[in-house]
Structure formats: C-alpha cells, structure tokens
Amino acid sequence: MSMVPLRPVASDGAFPPGTRVGHRTWGEGEVMSEEGNRITILFETVGYRTLSLPAVQARGLLTPVPSTATRN
C-alpha cells in the first residue's frame, strides 16, 4: 500500500487515542496514548513505539490517515 502524506499532524500536541497516523518508515498505526511530551503508537508492522512529541512536531514525522470506517 502506498502512503500519500496529507499534511503533518497538528502541532498543538493533540493526539487523542484512536487517531490513525502514518510514519514514513513504520507505516500506519493508531495512537494509544499521549502523556506529557511523549506519544505511544501501535504500528501495524513494528508494534509499539513511543515518540517524543517535540521531535514528531519539528520533523513532521506523522501524517493523518483516514480511519478504516471512512475508507472506500
């Protein structure tokens, strides 16, 4: 599956659990939690990864992915 980046996820630190995101290397995943300056995502191919929110925001590491409920 080819991922087309839509836009970086909002830099306001809002990553509610359940948000679908994409990463250039790790593919698609779902936000499991956001605590302080860290976000934990369960990626489909590599499992859980905890990332630094400042690094995610500064480098545009995540892009939003439409939820499976809205895909055609």
PDB file of N, CA and C in Angstrom:
ATOM      1  N   MET A   1       0.840  -1.176   0.000  1.00  0.00           N
ATOM      2  CA  MET A   1       0.000   0.000   0.000  1.00  0.00           C
ATOM      3  C   MET A   1       0.881   1.234   0.000  1.00  0.00           C
ATOM      4  N   SER A   2       0.629   2.144  -0.885  1.00  0.00           N
ATOM      5  CA  SER A   2       1.386   3.382  -0.976  1.00  0.00           C
ATOM      6  C   SER A   2       0.740   4.438  -0.103  1.00  0.00           C
ATOM      7  N   MET A   3       1.550   5.076   0.739  1.00  0.00           N
ATOM      8  CA  MET A   3       1.037   6.130   1.597  1.00  0.00           C
ATOM      9  C   MET A   3       1.313   7.480   0.987  1.00  0.00           C
ATOM     10  N   VAL A   4       0.298   8.277   0.841  1.00  0.00           N
ATOM     11  CA  VAL A   4       0.460   9.633   0.344  1.00  0.00           C
ATOM     12  C   VAL A   4       0.298  10.565   1.521  1.00  0.00           C
ATOM     13  N   PRO A   5       1.360  11.265   1.922  1.00  0.00           N
ATOM     14  CA  PRO A   5       1.238  12.178   3.048  1.00  0.00           C
ATOM     15  C   PRO A   5       0.220  13.260   2.749  1.00  0.00           C
ATOM     16  N   LEU A   6      -0.677  13.488   3.689  1.00  0.00           N
ATOM     17  CA  LEU A   6      -1.682  14.525   3.524  1.00  0.00           C
ATOM     18  C   LEU A   6      -1.150  15.860   4.024  1.00  0.00           C
ATOM     19  N   ARG A   7      -0.764  15.874   5.262  1.00  0.00           N
ATOM     20  CA  ARG A   7      -0.182  17.048   5.902  1.00  0.00           C
ATOM     21  C   ARG A   7       0.315  16.594   7.259  1.00  0.00           C
ATOM     22  N   PRO A   8       1.289  17.283   7.843  1.00  0.00           N
ATOM     23  CA  PRO A   8       1.721  16.888   9.180  1.00  0.00           C
ATOM     24  C   PRO A   8       0.568  17.005  10.173  1.00  0.00           C
ATOM     25  N   VAL A   9       0.555  16.132  11.174  1.00  0.00           N
ATOM     26  CA  VAL A   9      -0.457  16.202  12.219  1.00  0.00           C
ATOM     27  C   VAL A   9      -0.293  17.523  12.956  1.00  0.00           C
ATOM     28  N   ALA A  10      -1.386  18.082  13.405  1.00  0.00           N
ATOM     29  CA  ALA A  10      -1.384  19.382  14.079  1.00  0.00           C
ATOM     30  C   ALA A  10      -0.310  19.452  15.151  1.00  0.00           C
ATOM     31  N   SER A  11       0.362  20.563  15.212  1.00  0.00           N
ATOM     32  CA  SER A  11       1.474  20.714  16.151  1.00  0.00           C
ATOM     33  C   SER A  11       1.023  21.230  17.506  1.00  0.00           C
ATOM     34  N   ASP A  12      -0.271  21.185  17.790  1.00  0.00           N
ATOM     35  CA  ASP A  12      -0.756  21.655  19.079  1.00  0.00           C
ATOM     36  C   ASP A  12      -0.679  20.585  20.154  1.00  0.00           C
ATOM     37  N   GLY A  13      -0.109  19.423  19.831  1.00  0.00           N
ATOM     38  CA  GLY A  13       0.040  18.356  20.805  1.00  0.00           C
ATOM     39  C   GLY A  13      -1.205  17.519  20.983  1.00  0.00           C
ATOM     40  N   ALA A  14      -2.199  17.694  20.130  1.00  0.00           N
ATOM     41  CA  ALA A  14      -3.446  16.945  20.268  1.00  0.00           C
ATOM     42  C   ALA A  14      -3.384  15.646  19.480  1.00  0.00           C
ATOM     43  N   PHE A  15      -3.120  14.547  20.183  1.00  0.00           N
ATOM     44  CA  PHE A  15      -3.099  13.214  19.577  1.00  0.00           C
ATOM     45  C   PHE A  15      -3.999  12.321  20.414  1.00  0.00           C
ATOM     46  N   PRO A  16      -5.306  12.475  20.282  1.00  0.00           N
ATOM     47  CA  PRO A  16      -6.189  11.656  21.123  1.00  0.00           C
ATOM     48  C   PRO A  16      -6.066  10.182  20.781  1.00  0.00           C
ATOM     49  N   PRO A  17      -6.204   9.314  21.764  1.00  0.00           N
ATOM     50  CA  PRO A  17      -6.184   7.885  21.487  1.00  0.00           C
ATOM     51  C   PRO A  17      -7.204   7.547  20.404  1.00  0.00           C
ATOM     52  N   GLY A  18      -6.808   6.633  19.530  1.00  0.00           N
ATOM     53  CA  GLY A  18      -7.682   6.229  18.443  1.00  0.00           C
ATOM     54  C   GLY A  18      -7.381   6.928  17.130  1.00  0.00           C
ATOM     55  N   THR A  19      -6.561   7.989  17.161  1.00  0.00           N
ATOM     56  CA  THR A  19      -6.201   8.700  15.942  1.00  0.00           C
ATOM     57  C   THR A  19      -5.312   7.809  15.082  1.00  0.00           C
ATOM     58  N   ARG A  20      -5.637   7.682  13.801  1.00  0.00           N
ATOM     59  CA  ARG A  20      -4.821   6.914  12.856  1.00  0.00           C
ATOM     60  C   ARG A  20      -3.765   7.838  12.275  1.00  0.00           C
ATOM     61  N   VAL A  21      -2.518   7.369  12.260  1.00  0.00           N
ATOM     62  CA  VAL A  21      -1.408   8.146  11.735  1.00  0.00           C
ATOM     63  C   VAL A  21      -0.531   7.281  10.845  1.00  0.00           C
ATOM     64  N   GLY A  22       0.268   7.929  10.014  1.00  0.00           N
ATOM     65  CA  GLY A  22       1.217   7.228   9.178  1.00  0.00           C
ATOM     66  C   GLY A  22       2.620   7.747   9.427  1.00  0.00           C
ATOM     67  N   HIS A  23       3.586   6.858   9.344  1.00  0.00           N
ATOM     68  CA  HIS A  23       5.005   7.196   9.509  1.00  0.00           C
ATOM     69  C   HIS A  23       5.721   6.716   8.251  1.00  0.00           C
ATOM     70  N   ARG A  24       6.663   7.487   7.769  1.00  0.00           N
ATOM     71  CA  ARG A  24       7.351   7.174   6.510  1.00  0.00           C
ATOM     72  C   ARG A  24       8.005   5.793   6.518  1.00  0.00           C
ATOM     73  N   THR A  25       8.577   5.387   7.625  1.00  0.00           N
ATOM     74  CA  THR A  25       9.277   4.104   7.706  1.00  0.00           C
ATOM     75  C   THR A  25       8.411   2.993   8.294  1.00  0.00           C
ATOM     76  N   TRP A  26       7.640   3.294   9.338  1.00  0.00           N
ATOM     77  CA  TRP A  26       6.897   2.270  10.065  1.00  0.00           C
ATOM     78  C   TRP A  26       5.471   2.051   9.567  1.00  0.00           C
ATOM     79  N   GLY A  27       5.007   2.846   8.625  1.00  0.00           N
ATOM     80  CA  GLY A  27       3.667   2.658   8.078  1.00  0.00           C
ATOM     81  C   GLY A  27       2.572   3.230   8.962  1.00  0.00           C
ATOM     82  N   GLU A  28       1.401   2.605   8.874  1.00  0.00           N
ATOM     83  CA  GLU A  28       0.234   3.108   9.598  1.00  0.00           C
ATOM     84  C   GLU A  28       0.162   2.556  11.006  1.00  0.00           C
ATOM     85  N   GLY A  29      -0.441   3.373  11.879  1.00  0.00           N
ATOM     86  CA  GLY A  29      -0.630   2.952  13.254  1.00  0.00           C
ATOM     87  C   GLY A  29      -1.740   3.734  13.911  1.00  0.00           C
ATOM     88  N   GLU A  30      -2.005   3.372  15.158  1.00  0.00           N
ATOM     89  CA  GLU A  30      -3.060   4.024  15.934  1.00  0.00           C
ATOM     90  C   GLU A  30      -2.477   4.560  17.229  1.00  0.00           C
ATOM     91  N   VAL A  31      -2.803   5.808  17.535  1.00  0.00           N
ATOM     92  CA  VAL A  31      -2.345   6.419  18.782  1.00  0.00           C
ATOM     93  C   VAL A  31      -3.008   5.695  19.944  1.00  0.00           C
ATOM     94  N   MET A  32      -2.183   5.231  20.862  1.00  0.00           N
ATOM     95  CA  MET A  32      -2.691   4.535  22.044  1.00  0.00           C
ATOM     96  C   MET A  32      -2.775   5.474  23.238  1.00  0.00           C
ATOM     97  N   SER A  33      -1.773   6.381  23.358  1.00  0.00           N
ATOM     98  CA  SER A  33      -1.781   7.329  24.476  1.00  0.00           C
ATOM     99  C   SER A  33      -0.870   8.504  24.179  1.00  0.00           C
ATOM    100  N   GLU A  34      -1.154   9.609  24.845  1.00  0.00           N
ATOM    101  CA  GLU A  34      -0.299  10.796  24.817  1.00  0.00           C
ATOM    102  C   GLU A  34      -0.150  11.250  26.259  1.00  0.00           C
ATOM    103  N   GLU A  35       1.088  11.280  26.726  1.00  0.00           N
ATOM    104  CA  GLU A  35       1.346  11.688  28.102  1.00  0.00           C
ATOM    105  C   GLU A  35       2.535  12.628  28.120  1.00  0.00           C
ATOM    106  N   GLY A  36       2.300  13.830  28.610  1.00  0.00           N
ATOM    107  CA  GLY A  36       3.375  14.810  28.655  1.00  0.00           C
ATOM    108  C   GLY A  36       3.893  15.084  27.263  1.00  0.00           C
ATOM    109  N   ASN A  37       5.192  14.889  27.081  1.00  0.00           N
ATOM    110  CA  ASN A  37       5.786  15.153  25.759  1.00  0.00           C
ATOM    111  C   ASN A  37       6.079  13.866  24.990  1.00  0.00           C
ATOM    112  N   ARG A  38       5.316  12.803  25.310  1.00  0.00           N
ATOM    113  CA  ARG A  38       5.501  11.522  24.616  1.00  0.00           C
ATOM    114  C   ARG A  38       4.173  11.021  24.062  1.00  0.00           C
ATOM    115  N   ILE A  39       4.249  10.302  22.956  1.00  0.00           N
ATOM    116  CA  ILE A  39       3.082   9.697  22.334  1.00  0.00           C
ATOM    117  C   ILE A  39       3.414   8.236  22.047  1.00  0.00           C
ATOM    118  N   THR A  40       2.494   7.341  22.364  1.00  0.00           N
ATOM    119  CA  THR A  40       2.687   5.916  22.095  1.00  0.00           C
ATOM    120  C   THR A  40       1.734   5.506  20.986  1.00  0.00           C
ATOM    121  N   ILE A  41       2.298   4.868  19.966  1.00  0.00           N
ATOM    122  CA  ILE A  41       1.546   4.452  18.789  1.00  0.00           C
ATOM    123  C   ILE A  41       1.762   2.960  18.582  1.00  0.00           C
ATOM    124  N   LEU A  42       0.678   2.252  18.232  1.00  0.00           N
ATOM    125  CA  LEU A  42       0.778   0.843  17.867  1.00  0.00           C
ATOM    126  C   LEU A  42       0.782   0.787  16.344  1.00  0.00           C
ATOM    127  N   PHE A  43       1.962   0.525  15.765  1.00  0.00           N
ATOM    128  CA  PHE A  43       2.101   0.416  14.320  1.00  0.00           C
ATOM    129  C   PHE A  43       1.799  -1.010  13.884  1.00  0.00           C
ATOM    130  N   GLU A  44       1.160  -1.138  12.727  1.00  0.00           N
ATOM    131  CA  GLU A  44       0.751  -2.444  12.223  1.00  0.00           C
ATOM    132  C   GLU A  44       1.943  -3.355  11.930  1.00  0.00           C
ATOM    133  N   THR A  45       3.071  -2.793  11.509  1.00  0.00           N
ATOM    134  CA  THR A  45       4.209  -3.623  11.102  1.00  0.00           C
ATOM    135  C   THR A  45       5.297  -3.782  12.154  1.00  0.00           C
ATOM    136  N   VAL A  46       5.456  -2.806  13.057  1.00  0.00           N
ATOM    137  CA  VAL A  46       6.579  -2.867  14.003  1.00  0.00           C
ATOM    138  C   VAL A  46       6.164  -2.846  15.462  1.00  0.00           C
ATOM    139  N   GLY A  47       4.864  -2.822  15.731  1.00  0.00           N
ATOM    140  CA  GLY A  47       4.401  -2.830  17.113  1.00  0.00           C
ATOM    141  C   GLY A  47       4.427  -1.449  17.749  1.00  0.00           C
ATOM    142  N   TYR A  48       4.559  -1.437  19.073  1.00  0.00           N
ATOM    143  CA  TYR A  48       4.503  -0.191  19.827  1.00  0.00           C
ATOM    144  C   TYR A  48       5.776   0.622  19.670  1.00  0.00           C
ATOM    145  N   ARG A  49       5.592   1.931  19.527  1.00  0.00           N
ATOM    146  CA  ARG A  49       6.710   2.868  19.515  1.00  0.00           C
ATOM    147  C   ARG A  49       6.293   4.086  20.324  1.00  0.00           C
ATOM    148  N   THR A  50       7.178   4.549  21.197  1.00  0.00           N
ATOM    149  CA  THR A  50       6.934   5.766  21.962  1.00  0.00           C
ATOM    150  C   THR A  50       7.840   6.842  21.386  1.00  0.00           C
ATOM    151  N   LEU A  51       7.237   7.947  20.976  1.00  0.00           N
ATOM    152  CA  LEU A  51       7.960   9.017  20.301  1.00  0.00           C
ATOM    153  C   LEU A  51       7.888  10.306  21.088  1.00  0.00           C
ATOM    154  N   SER A  52       8.887  11.127  20.903  1.00  0.00           N
ATOM    155  CA  SER A  52       8.930  12.449  21.506  1.00  0.00           C
ATOM    156  C   SER A  52       8.040  13.394  20.699  1.00  0.00           C
ATOM    157  N   LEU A  53       7.055  14.012  21.357  1.00  0.00           N
ATOM    158  CA  LEU A  53       6.178  14.943  20.647  1.00  0.00           C
ATOM    159  C   LEU A  53       6.936  16.114  20.026  1.00  0.00           C
ATOM    160  N   PRO A  54       7.907  16.714  20.723  1.00  0.00           N
ATOM    161  CA  PRO A  54       8.650  17.798  20.076  1.00  0.00           C
ATOM    162  C   PRO A  54       9.350  17.336  18.790  1.00  0.00           C
ATOM    163  N   ALA A  55       9.903  16.129  18.774  1.00  0.00           N
ATOM    164  CA  ALA A  55      10.567  15.616  17.569  1.00  0.00           C
ATOM    165  C   ALA A  55       9.546  15.330  16.477  1.00  0.00           C
ATOM    166  N   VAL A  56       8.405  14.747  16.835  1.00  0.00           N
ATOM    167  CA  VAL A  56       7.344  14.467  15.866  1.00  0.00           C
ATOM    168  C   VAL A  56       6.895  15.762  15.204  1.00  0.00           C
ATOM    169  N   GLN A  57       6.693  16.785  16.005  1.00  0.00           N
ATOM    170  CA  GLN A  57       6.204  18.062  15.502  1.00  0.00           C
ATOM    171  C   GLN A  57       7.262  18.801  14.693  1.00  0.00           C
ATOM    172  N   ALA A  58       8.486  18.835  15.175  1.00  0.00           N
ATOM    173  CA  ALA A  58       9.559  19.571  14.492  1.00  0.00           C
ATOM    174  C   ALA A  58       9.912  18.940  13.145  1.00  0.00           C
ATOM    175  N   ARG A  59       9.834  17.615  13.068  1.00  0.00           N
ATOM    176  CA  ARG A  59      10.251  16.914  11.856  1.00  0.00           C
ATOM    177  C   ARG A  59       9.094  16.453  10.977  1.00  0.00           C
ATOM    178  N   GLY A  60       7.858  16.714  11.409  1.00  0.00           N
ATOM    179  CA  GLY A  60       6.698  16.285  10.630  1.00  0.00           C
ATOM    180  C   GLY A  60       6.682  14.782  10.414  1.00  0.00           C
ATOM    181  N   LEU A  61       6.957  14.020  11.491  1.00  0.00           N
ATOM    182  CA  LEU A  61       7.113  12.568  11.365  1.00  0.00           C
ATOM    183  C   LEU A  61       5.818  11.808  11.126  1.00  0.00           C
ATOM    184  N   LEU A  62       4.692  12.376  11.511  1.00  0.00           N
ATOM    185  CA  LEU A  62       3.422  11.680  11.374  1.00  0.00           C
ATOM    186  C   LEU A  62       2.471  12.437  10.460  1.00  0.00           C
ATOM    187  N   THR A  63       1.691  11.681   9.692  1.00  0.00           N
ATOM    188  CA  THR A  63       0.648  12.268   8.858  1.00  0.00           C
ATOM    189  C   THR A  63      -0.676  11.603   9.212  1.00  0.00           C
ATOM    190  N   PRO A  64      -1.772  12.336   9.128  1.00  0.00           N
ATOM    191  CA  PRO A  64      -3.065  11.733   9.441  1.00  0.00           C
ATOM    192  C   PRO A  64      -3.451  10.702   8.389  1.00  0.00           C
ATOM    193  N   VAL A  65      -4.131   9.670   8.826  1.00  0.00           N
ATOM    194  CA  VAL A  65      -4.612   8.612   7.928  1.00  0.00           C
ATOM    195  C   VAL A  65      -6.115   8.486   8.174  1.00  0.00           C
ATOM    196  N   PRO A  66      -6.917   8.484   7.117  1.00  0.00           N
ATOM    197  CA  PRO A  66      -8.368   8.317   7.329  1.00  0.00           C
ATOM    198  C   PRO A  66      -8.650   7.012   8.065  1.00  0.00           C
ATOM    199  N   SER A  67      -9.626   7.047   8.960  1.00  0.00           N
ATOM    200  CA  SER A  67      -9.979   5.821   9.680  1.00  0.00           C
ATOM    201  C   SER A  67     -10.552   4.797   8.708  1.00  0.00           C
ATOM    202  N   THR A  68     -10.441   3.545   9.067  1.00  0.00           N
ATOM    203  CA  THR A  68     -10.912   2.468   8.177  1.00  0.00           C
ATOM    204  C   THR A  68     -12.415   2.561   7.958  1.00  0.00           C
ATOM    205  N   ALA A  69     -13.135   3.191   8.865  1.00  0.00           N
ATOM    206  CA  ALA A  69     -14.583   3.323   8.726  1.00  0.00           C
ATOM    207  C   ALA A  69     -14.959   4.261   7.592  1.00  0.00           C
ATOM    208  N   THR A  70     -14.035   5.187   7.223  1.00  0.00           N
ATOM    209  CA  THR A  70     -14.359   6.162   6.190  1.00  0.00           C
ATOM    210  C   THR A  70     -13.671   5.864   4.865  1.00  0.00           C
ATOM    211  N   ARG A  71     -12.894   4.794   4.786  1.00  0.00           N
ATOM    212  CA  ARG A  71     -12.217   4.445   3.551  1.00  0.00           C
ATOM    213  C   ARG A  71     -13.179   3.808   2.564  1.00  0.00           C
ATOM    214  N   ASN A  72     -12.934   4.022   1.281  1.00  0.00           N
ATOM    215  CA  ASN A  72     -13.760   3.392   0.243  1.00  0.00           C
ATOM    216  C   ASN A  72     -13.087   2.152  -0.284  1.00  0.00           C
TER     217      ASN A  72
END
